[in-house]
């Protein structure tokens, strides 16, 4: 599991996927989220603007990242 540190209060799901190199572009992030491939805290998430805060986990394609402050 990889830990991603954020500076602000939250990071949006599509931005996190790009920042963590789980996707190569924003377009790919949009498609993967829309197809239900992305799990947030273990449940599928279809909202690409979902606000992630420290303690949240995101999984895609067998890789998992945790958001930390």
Protein backbone atom coordinates (compact mmCIF):
# COMPACT_ATOMS: atom_id res chain seq x y z
CA UNK A 1 0.00 0.00 0.00
CA UNK A 2 1.31 3.41 -0.97
CA UNK A 3 0.79 6.53 1.11
CA UNK A 4 -0.02 9.83 -0.63
CA UNK A 5 0.49 12.99 1.43
CA UNK A 6 -1.72 15.99 0.76
CA UNK A 7 -1.20 19.56 1.90
CA UNK A 8 -4.79 20.80 1.95
CA UNK A 9 -7.91 19.52 3.63
CA UNK A 10 -8.82 17.19 0.73
CA UNK A 11 -7.93 16.03 -2.78
CA UNK A 12 -10.45 15.10 -5.46
CA UNK A 13 -10.56 11.49 -6.62
CA UNK A 14 -9.59 12.14 -10.25
CA UNK A 15 -6.62 14.28 -9.15
CA UNK A 16 -5.46 11.61 -6.71
CA UNK A 17 -5.52 8.94 -9.40
CA UNK A 18 -3.27 11.08 -11.60
CA UNK A 19 -0.99 12.17 -8.72
CA UNK A 20 -0.51 8.55 -7.57
CA UNK A 21 0.20 7.44 -11.16
CA UNK A 22 -2.69 4.97 -11.11
CA UNK A 23 -3.85 6.45 -14.44
CA UNK A 24 -1.97 8.23 -17.20
CA UNK A 25 -4.45 11.05 -17.85
CA UNK A 26 -7.56 12.78 -16.60
CA UNK A 27 -9.52 11.17 -19.42
CA UNK A 28 -8.48 7.72 -18.30
CA UNK A 29 -9.42 8.60 -14.71
CA UNK A 30 -12.88 9.71 -15.86
CA UNK A 31 -13.46 6.45 -17.74
CA UNK A 32 -12.20 4.18 -14.95
CA UNK A 33 -14.34 6.00 -12.37
CA UNK A 34 -17.45 5.92 -14.61
CA UNK A 35 -17.01 2.17 -15.19
CA UNK A 36 -16.92 1.51 -11.44
CA UNK A 37 -13.33 0.24 -11.42
CA UNK A 38 -12.24 2.58 -8.62
CA UNK A 39 -12.89 1.66 -4.99
CA UNK A 40 -12.93 4.27 -2.24
CA UNK A 41 -12.74 2.79 1.24
CA UNK A 42 -13.62 -0.59 -0.26
CA UNK A 43 -16.75 0.47 -2.17
CA UNK A 44 -17.10 1.43 -5.85
CA UNK A 45 -17.20 5.21 -6.36
CA UNK A 46 -18.69 6.82 -9.46
CA UNK A 47 -18.04 10.45 -8.43
CA UNK A 48 -14.82 11.73 -9.96
CA UNK A 49 -15.02 14.90 -7.82
CA UNK A 50 -15.30 12.89 -4.58
CA UNK A 51 -13.35 14.68 -1.85
CA UNK A 52 -10.80 12.40 -0.24
CA UNK A 53 -9.44 13.21 3.19
CA UNK A 54 -6.64 11.73 5.30
CA UNK A 55 -7.45 8.14 6.21
CA UNK A 56 -9.32 7.37 2.98
CA UNK A 57 -8.07 4.53 0.76
CA UNK A 58 -8.37 4.26 -3.02
CA UNK A 59 -7.90 1.05 -5.01
CA UNK A 60 -7.57 0.51 -8.75
CA UNK A 61 -6.21 -2.45 -10.65
CA UNK A 62 -4.83 -4.22 -7.60
CA UNK A 63 -3.01 -1.13 -6.32
CA UNK A 64 -4.11 0.69 -3.18
CA UNK A 65 -3.13 4.14 -1.93
CA UNK A 66 -3.91 5.78 1.40
CA UNK A 67 -4.39 9.52 1.80
CA UNK A 68 -2.47 11.12 4.67
CA UNK A 69 -1.87 14.66 5.89
